[in-house]
Structures are given as C-alpha cells and as structure tokens.
Amino acid sequence: MSKDSERITRLEETVAYQAKTIEELSEQVADQWKVVEQTRAKLDRLTERFLSLEEQSLDAPAITRPPHY
C-alpha cells in the first residue's frame, strides 16, 4: 500500500468516525430537546395552577380570630 493510499484510508476512517459521532450527538440533542419541551409544559401548567390558587386565596375571607380571643 502506498503512502498516499494509507493516508486516504486514515482520513476515510476519521471521517466515518466523526460522522457516527455527529449522528449520536444529534440524537442526544433531539432527546434533550424533548425533555426541555416536557419540562417547559410542566412549568406552564404549574404556573397556571399557582396563579389559580393564588387568585382563590385572595378571594377567600381573611382569617380572623374568633370574638372570644
């Protein structure tokens, strides 16, 4: 095998390895994005729930001591 042929083979192996790594990283990013979107949706629901509970507590009568205290 000539020197150029060996060099080309090494370059092809490097490119193949890098392509595989890029594909794996892309899949990981896609999976993490799904988790981010799920977390964002949960946060939105919790924020709505909190605001609803806060609104209900403002409408509730104030807690006062009974007259015998």
PDB file of N, CA and C in Angstrom:
ATOM      1  N   MET A   1       0.845  -1.174   0.000  1.00  0.00           N
ATOM      2  CA  MET A   1       0.000   0.000   0.000  1.00  0.00           C
ATOM      3  C   MET A   1       0.894   1.242   0.000  1.00  0.00           C
ATOM      4  N   SER A   2       0.568   2.178  -0.843  1.00  0.00           N
ATOM      5  CA  SER A   2       1.395   3.377  -0.936  1.00  0.00           C
ATOM      6  C   SER A   2       1.081   4.323   0.221  1.00  0.00           C
ATOM      7  N   LYS A   3       1.961   5.259   0.405  1.00  0.00           N
ATOM      8  CA  LYS A   3       1.810   6.237   1.481  1.00  0.00           C
ATOM      9  C   LYS A   3       0.522   7.049   1.307  1.00  0.00           C
ATOM     10  N   ASP A   4       0.227   7.456   0.084  1.00  0.00           N
ATOM     11  CA  ASP A   4      -1.000   8.216  -0.187  1.00  0.00           C
ATOM     12  C   ASP A   4      -2.242   7.380   0.081  1.00  0.00           C
ATOM     13  N   SER A   5      -2.170   6.121  -0.284  1.00  0.00           N
ATOM     14  CA  SER A   5      -3.297   5.221  -0.078  1.00  0.00           C
ATOM     15  C   SER A   5      -3.564   5.038   1.412  1.00  0.00           C
ATOM     16  N   GLU A   6      -2.515   4.891   2.206  1.00  0.00           N
ATOM     17  CA  GLU A   6      -2.660   4.758   3.668  1.00  0.00           C
ATOM     18  C   GLU A   6      -3.245   6.037   4.268  1.00  0.00           C
ATOM     19  N   ARG A   7      -2.772   7.149   3.772  1.00  0.00           N
ATOM     20  CA  ARG A   7      -3.261   8.444   4.263  1.00  0.00           C
ATOM     21  C   ARG A   7      -4.749   8.601   3.956  1.00  0.00           C
ATOM     22  N   ILE A   8      -5.156   8.246   2.767  1.00  0.00           N
ATOM     23  CA  ILE A   8      -6.566   8.336   2.374  1.00  0.00           C
ATOM     24  C   ILE A   8      -7.414   7.400   3.238  1.00  0.00           C
ATOM     25  N   THR A   9      -6.905   6.206   3.484  1.00  0.00           N
ATOM     26  CA  THR A   9      -7.635   5.248   4.332  1.00  0.00           C
ATOM     27  C   THR A   9      -7.825   5.814   5.731  1.00  0.00           C
ATOM     28  N   ARG A  10      -6.762   6.411   6.311  1.00  0.00           N
ATOM     29  CA  ARG A  10      -6.871   7.015   7.649  1.00  0.00           C
ATOM     30  C   ARG A  10      -7.875   8.169   7.644  1.00  0.00           C
ATOM     31  N   LEU A  11      -7.841   8.970   6.607  1.00  0.00           N
ATOM     32  CA  LEU A  11      -8.787  10.080   6.508  1.00  0.00           C
ATOM     33  C   LEU A  11     -10.229   9.579   6.394  1.00  0.00           C
ATOM     34  N   GLU A  12     -10.431   8.534   5.607  1.00  0.00           N
ATOM     35  CA  GLU A  12     -11.771   7.955   5.469  1.00  0.00           C
ATOM     36  C   GLU A  12     -12.262   7.396   6.802  1.00  0.00           C
ATOM     37  N   GLU A  13     -11.366   6.738   7.545  1.00  0.00           N
ATOM     38  CA  GLU A  13     -11.739   6.206   8.858  1.00  0.00           C
ATOM     39  C   GLU A  13     -12.098   7.340   9.809  1.00  0.00           C
ATOM     40  N   THR A  14     -11.320   8.417   9.756  1.00  0.00           N
ATOM     41  CA  THR A  14     -11.594   9.572  10.614  1.00  0.00           C
ATOM     42  C   THR A  14     -12.940  10.186  10.275  1.00  0.00           C
ATOM     43  N   VAL A  15     -13.216  10.352   9.004  1.00  0.00           N
ATOM     44  CA  VAL A  15     -14.495  10.926   8.569  1.00  0.00           C
ATOM     45  C   VAL A  15     -15.652  10.023   8.997  1.00  0.00           C
ATOM     46  N   ALA A  16     -15.502   8.734   8.859  1.00  0.00           N
ATOM     47  CA  ALA A  16     -16.565   7.799   9.251  1.00  0.00           C
ATOM     48  C   ALA A  16     -16.813   7.885  10.759  1.00  0.00           C
ATOM     49  N   TYR A  17     -15.744   7.946  11.534  1.00  0.00           N
ATOM     50  CA  TYR A  17     -15.874   8.049  12.994  1.00  0.00           C
ATOM     51  C   TYR A  17     -16.566   9.361  13.365  1.00  0.00           C
ATOM     52  N   GLN A  18     -16.153  10.449  12.726  1.00  0.00           N
ATOM     53  CA  GLN A  18     -16.759  11.753  13.021  1.00  0.00           C
ATOM     54  C   GLN A  18     -18.233  11.790  12.612  1.00  0.00           C
ATOM     55  N   ALA A  19     -18.567  11.185  11.492  1.00  0.00           N
ATOM     56  CA  ALA A  19     -19.963  11.140  11.044  1.00  0.00           C
ATOM     57  C   ALA A  19     -20.819  10.374  12.060  1.00  0.00           C
ATOM     58  N   LYS A  20     -20.283   9.261  12.577  1.00  0.00           N
ATOM     59  CA  LYS A  20     -21.009   8.474  13.577  1.00  0.00           C
ATOM     60  C   LYS A  20     -21.187   9.288  14.861  1.00  0.00           C
ATOM     61  N   THR A  21     -20.140   9.981  15.270  1.00  0.00           N
ATOM     62  CA  THR A  21     -20.205  10.804  16.476  1.00  0.00           C
ATOM     63  C   THR A  21     -21.220  11.926  16.309  1.00  0.00           C
ATOM     64  N   ILE A  22     -21.234  12.575  15.163  1.00  0.00           N
ATOM     65  CA  ILE A  22     -22.197  13.646  14.900  1.00  0.00           C
ATOM     66  C   ILE A  22     -23.621  13.109  14.950  1.00  0.00           C
ATOM     67  N   GLU A  23     -23.842  11.949  14.382  1.00  0.00           N
ATOM     68  CA  GLU A  23     -25.180  11.342  14.408  1.00  0.00           C
ATOM     69  C   GLU A  23     -25.623  11.047  15.839  1.00  0.00           C
ATOM     70  N   GLU A  24     -24.709  10.490  16.658  1.00  0.00           N
ATOM     71  CA  GLU A  24     -25.042  10.184  18.056  1.00  0.00           C
ATOM     72  C   GLU A  24     -25.333  11.461  18.835  1.00  0.00           C
ATOM     73  N   LEU A  25     -24.523  12.494  18.618  1.00  0.00           N
ATOM     74  CA  LEU A  25     -24.746  13.757  19.313  1.00  0.00           C
ATOM     75  C   LEU A  25     -26.063  14.399  18.885  1.00  0.00           C
ATOM     76  N   SER A  26     -26.385  14.292  17.618  1.00  0.00           N
ATOM     77  CA  SER A  26     -27.639  14.833  17.122  1.00  0.00           C
ATOM     78  C   SER A  26     -28.829  14.143  17.788  1.00  0.00           C
ATOM     79  N   GLU A  27     -28.750  12.826  17.936  1.00  0.00           N
ATOM     80  CA  GLU A  27     -29.822  12.078  18.614  1.00  0.00           C
ATOM     81  C   GLU A  27     -29.938  12.515  20.070  1.00  0.00           C
ATOM     82  N   GLN A  28     -28.798  12.720  20.730  1.00  0.00           N
ATOM     83  CA  GLN A  28     -28.825  13.158  22.129  1.00  0.00           C
ATOM     84  C   GLN A  28     -29.449  14.542  22.263  1.00  0.00           C
ATOM     85  N   VAL A  29     -29.108  15.438  21.354  1.00  0.00           N
ATOM     86  CA  VAL A  29     -29.685  16.781  21.382  1.00  0.00           C
ATOM     87  C   VAL A  29     -31.193  16.705  21.165  1.00  0.00           C
ATOM     88  N   ALA A  30     -31.631  15.876  20.240  1.00  0.00           N
ATOM     89  CA  ALA A  30     -33.066  15.723  19.979  1.00  0.00           C
ATOM     90  C   ALA A  30     -33.777  15.186  21.224  1.00  0.00           C
ATOM     91  N   ASP A  31     -33.184  14.189  21.880  1.00  0.00           N
ATOM     92  CA  ASP A  31     -33.775  13.640  23.103  1.00  0.00           C
ATOM     93  C   ASP A  31     -33.833  14.700  24.202  1.00  0.00           C
ATOM     94  N   GLN A  32     -32.760  15.464  24.354  1.00  0.00           N
ATOM     95  CA  GLN A  32     -32.731  16.503  25.385  1.00  0.00           C
ATOM     96  C   GLN A  32     -33.746  17.599  25.077  1.00  0.00           C
ATOM     97  N   TRP A  33     -33.948  17.901  23.804  1.00  0.00           N
ATOM     98  CA  TRP A  33     -34.929  18.917  23.440  1.00  0.00           C
ATOM     99  C   TRP A  33     -36.330  18.475  23.841  1.00  0.00           C
ATOM    100  N   LYS A  34     -36.608  17.169  23.672  1.00  0.00           N
ATOM    101  CA  LYS A  34     -37.916  16.645  24.091  1.00  0.00           C
ATOM    102  C   LYS A  34     -38.107  16.853  25.595  1.00  0.00           C
ATOM    103  N   VAL A  35     -37.050  16.581  26.372  1.00  0.00           N
ATOM    104  CA  VAL A  35     -37.122  16.756  27.822  1.00  0.00           C
ATOM    105  C   VAL A  35     -37.341  18.232  28.167  1.00  0.00           C
ATOM    106  N   VAL A  36     -36.652  19.123  27.468  1.00  0.00           N
ATOM    107  CA  VAL A  36     -36.823  20.557  27.695  1.00  0.00           C
ATOM    108  C   VAL A  36     -38.270  20.963  27.413  1.00  0.00           C
ATOM    109  N   GLU A  37     -38.819  20.491  26.316  1.00  0.00           N
ATOM    110  CA  GLU A  37     -40.206  20.829  25.971  1.00  0.00           C
ATOM    111  C   GLU A  37     -41.182  20.278  27.011  1.00  0.00           C
ATOM    112  N   GLN A  38     -40.950  19.046  27.483  1.00  0.00           N
ATOM    113  CA  GLN A  38     -41.819  18.473  28.514  1.00  0.00           C
ATOM    114  C   GLN A  38     -41.718  19.286  29.804  1.00  0.00           C
ATOM    115  N   THR A  39     -40.519  19.680  30.157  1.00  0.00           N
ATOM    116  CA  THR A  39     -40.302  20.468  31.369  1.00  0.00           C
ATOM    117  C   THR A  39     -40.968  21.831  31.243  1.00  0.00           C
ATOM    118  N   ARG A  40     -40.860  22.438  30.077  1.00  0.00           N
ATOM    119  CA  ARG A  40     -41.493  23.739  29.837  1.00  0.00           C
ATOM    120  C   ARG A  40     -43.011  23.614  29.968  1.00  0.00           C
ATOM    121  N   ALA A  41     -43.582  22.545  29.427  1.00  0.00           N
ATOM    122  CA  ALA A  41     -45.033  22.343  29.516  1.00  0.00           C
ATOM    123  C   ALA A  41     -45.458  22.153  30.976  1.00  0.00           C
ATOM    124  N   LYS A  42     -44.680  21.380  31.730  1.00  0.00           N
ATOM    125  CA  LYS A  42     -44.995  21.179  33.151  1.00  0.00           C
ATOM    126  C   LYS A  42     -44.907  22.492  33.911  1.00  0.00           C
ATOM    127  N   LEU A  43     -43.885  23.284  33.612  1.00  0.00           N
ATOM    128  CA  LEU A  43     -43.733  24.577  34.272  1.00  0.00           C
ATOM    129  C   LEU A  43     -44.914  25.484  33.953  1.00  0.00           C
ATOM    130  N   ASP A  44     -45.356  25.484  32.717  1.00  0.00           N
ATOM    131  CA  ASP A  44     -46.519  26.285  32.335  1.00  0.00           C
ATOM    132  C   ASP A  44     -47.756  25.851  33.117  1.00  0.00           C
ATOM    133  N   ARG A  45     -47.958  24.530  33.216  1.00  0.00           N
ATOM    134  CA  ARG A  45     -49.122  24.030  33.966  1.00  0.00           C
ATOM    135  C   ARG A  45     -49.025  24.400  35.443  1.00  0.00           C
ATOM    136  N   LEU A  46     -47.823  24.262  36.016  1.00  0.00           N
ATOM    137  CA  LEU A  46     -47.651  24.611  37.428  1.00  0.00           C
ATOM    138  C   LEU A  46     -47.848  26.109  37.667  1.00  0.00           C
ATOM    139  N   THR A  47     -47.386  26.915  36.730  1.00  0.00           N
ATOM    140  CA  THR A  47     -47.563  28.361  36.853  1.00  0.00           C
ATOM    141  C   THR A  47     -49.045  28.712  36.821  1.00  0.00           C
ATOM    142  N   GLU A  48     -49.779  28.106  35.894  1.00  0.00           N
ATOM    143  CA  GLU A  48     -51.221  28.345  35.829  1.00  0.00           C
ATOM    144  C   GLU A  48     -51.907  27.908  37.117  1.00  0.00           C
ATOM    145  N   ARG A  49     -51.519  26.760  37.624  1.00  0.00           N
ATOM    146  CA  ARG A  49     -52.115  26.238  38.862  1.00  0.00           C
ATOM    147  C   ARG A  49     -51.807  27.172  40.030  1.00  0.00           C
ATOM    148  N   PHE A  50     -50.553  27.604  40.121  1.00  0.00           N
ATOM    149  CA  PHE A  50     -50.164  28.508  41.204  1.00  0.00           C
ATOM    150  C   PHE A  50     -50.962  29.809  41.135  1.00  0.00           C
ATOM    151  N   LEU A  51     -51.054  30.377  39.940  1.00  0.00           N
ATOM    152  CA  LEU A  51     -51.805  31.628  39.796  1.00  0.00           C
ATOM    153  C   LEU A  51     -53.276  31.435  40.145  1.00  0.00           C
ATOM    154  N   SER A  52     -53.831  30.294  39.780  1.00  0.00           N
ATOM    155  CA  SER A  52     -55.219  29.996  40.105  1.00  0.00           C
ATOM    156  C   SER A  52     -55.408  29.890  41.621  1.00  0.00           C
ATOM    157  N   LEU A  53     -54.504  29.171  42.273  1.00  0.00           N
ATOM    158  CA  LEU A  53     -54.590  29.037  43.734  1.00  0.00           C
ATOM    159  C   LEU A  53     -54.382  30.377  44.424  1.00  0.00           C
ATOM    160  N   GLU A  54     -53.473  31.167  43.903  1.00  0.00           N
ATOM    161  CA  GLU A  54     -53.224  32.492  44.477  1.00  0.00           C
ATOM    162  C   GLU A  54     -54.469  33.361  44.337  1.00  0.00           C
ATOM    163  N   GLU A  55     -55.117  33.286  43.187  1.00  0.00           N
ATOM    164  CA  GLU A  55     -56.330  34.059  42.949  1.00  0.00           C
ATOM    165  C   GLU A  55     -57.441  33.615  43.899  1.00  0.00           C
ATOM    166  N   GLN A  56     -57.556  32.310  44.104  1.00  0.00           N
ATOM    167  CA  GLN A  56     -58.573  31.787  45.017  1.00  0.00           C
ATOM    168  C   GLN A  56     -58.311  32.247  46.449  1.00  0.00           C
ATOM    169  N   SER A  57     -57.043  32.288  46.825  1.00  0.00           N
ATOM    170  CA  SER A  57     -56.731  32.693  48.200  1.00  0.00           C
ATOM    171  C   SER A  57     -57.020  34.173  48.419  1.00  0.00           C
ATOM    172  N   LEU A  58     -56.914  34.973  47.377  1.00  0.00           N
ATOM    173  CA  LEU A  58     -57.236  36.392  47.502  1.00  0.00           C
ATOM    174  C   LEU A  58     -58.737  36.595  47.654  1.00  0.00           C
ATOM    175  N   ASP A  59     -59.531  35.713  47.059  1.00  0.00           N
ATOM    176  CA  ASP A  59     -60.981  35.802  47.143  1.00  0.00           C
ATOM    177  C   ASP A  59     -61.519  35.264  48.472  1.00  0.00           C
ATOM    178  N   ALA A  60     -60.705  34.460  49.172  1.00  0.00           N
ATOM    179  CA  ALA A  60     -61.155  33.860  50.429  1.00  0.00           C
ATOM    180  C   ALA A  60     -61.224  34.937  51.504  1.00  0.00           C
ATOM    181  N   PRO A  61     -62.165  34.783  52.444  1.00  0.00           N
ATOM    182  CA  PRO A  61     -62.245  35.762  53.531  1.00  0.00           C
ATOM    183  C   PRO A  61     -60.970  35.708  54.384  1.00  0.00           C
ATOM    184  N   ALA A  62     -60.624  36.829  54.942  1.00  0.00           N
ATOM    185  CA  ALA A  62     -59.419  36.907  55.768  1.00  0.00           C
ATOM    186  C   ALA A  62     -59.603  36.044  57.010  1.00  0.00           C
ATOM    187  N   ILE A  63     -58.546  35.420  57.441  1.00  0.00           N
ATOM    188  CA  ILE A  63     -58.600  34.604  58.654  1.00  0.00           C
ATOM    189  C   ILE A  63     -58.497  35.555  59.849  1.00  0.00           C
ATOM    190  N   THR A  64     -59.525  35.527  60.654  1.00  0.00           N
ATOM    191  CA  THR A  64     -59.534  36.407  61.844  1.00  0.00           C
ATOM    192  C   THR A  64     -59.770  35.562  63.090  1.00  0.00           C
ATOM    193  N   ARG A  65     -59.409  36.109  64.192  1.00  0.00           N
ATOM    194  CA  ARG A  65     -59.621  35.388  65.456  1.00  0.00           C
ATOM    195  C   ARG A  65     -61.103  35.478  65.836  1.00  0.00           C
ATOM    196  N   PRO A  66     -61.610  34.404  66.379  1.00  0.00           N
ATOM    197  CA  PRO A  66     -62.993  34.456  66.862  1.00  0.00           C
ATOM    198  C   PRO A  66     -63.117  35.528  67.964  1.00  0.00           C
ATOM    199  N   PRO A  67     -64.319  36.054  68.192  1.00  0.00           N
ATOM    200  CA  PRO A  67     -64.504  37.148  69.173  1.00  0.00           C
ATOM    201  C   PRO A  67     -64.065  36.789  70.583  1.00  0.00           C
ATOM    202  N   HIS A  68     -64.075  35.511  70.987  1.00  0.00           N
ATOM    203  CA  HIS A  68     -63.733  35.172  72.371  1.00  0.00           C
ATOM    204  C   HIS A  68     -62.224  35.165  72.623  1.00  0.00           C
ATOM    205  N   TYR A  69     -61.365  35.509  71.675  1.00  0.00           N
ATOM    206  CA  TYR A  69     -59.919  35.571  71.923  1.00  0.00           C
ATOM    207  C   TYR A  69     -59.510  36.966  72.278  1.00  0.00           C
TER     208      TYR A  69
END
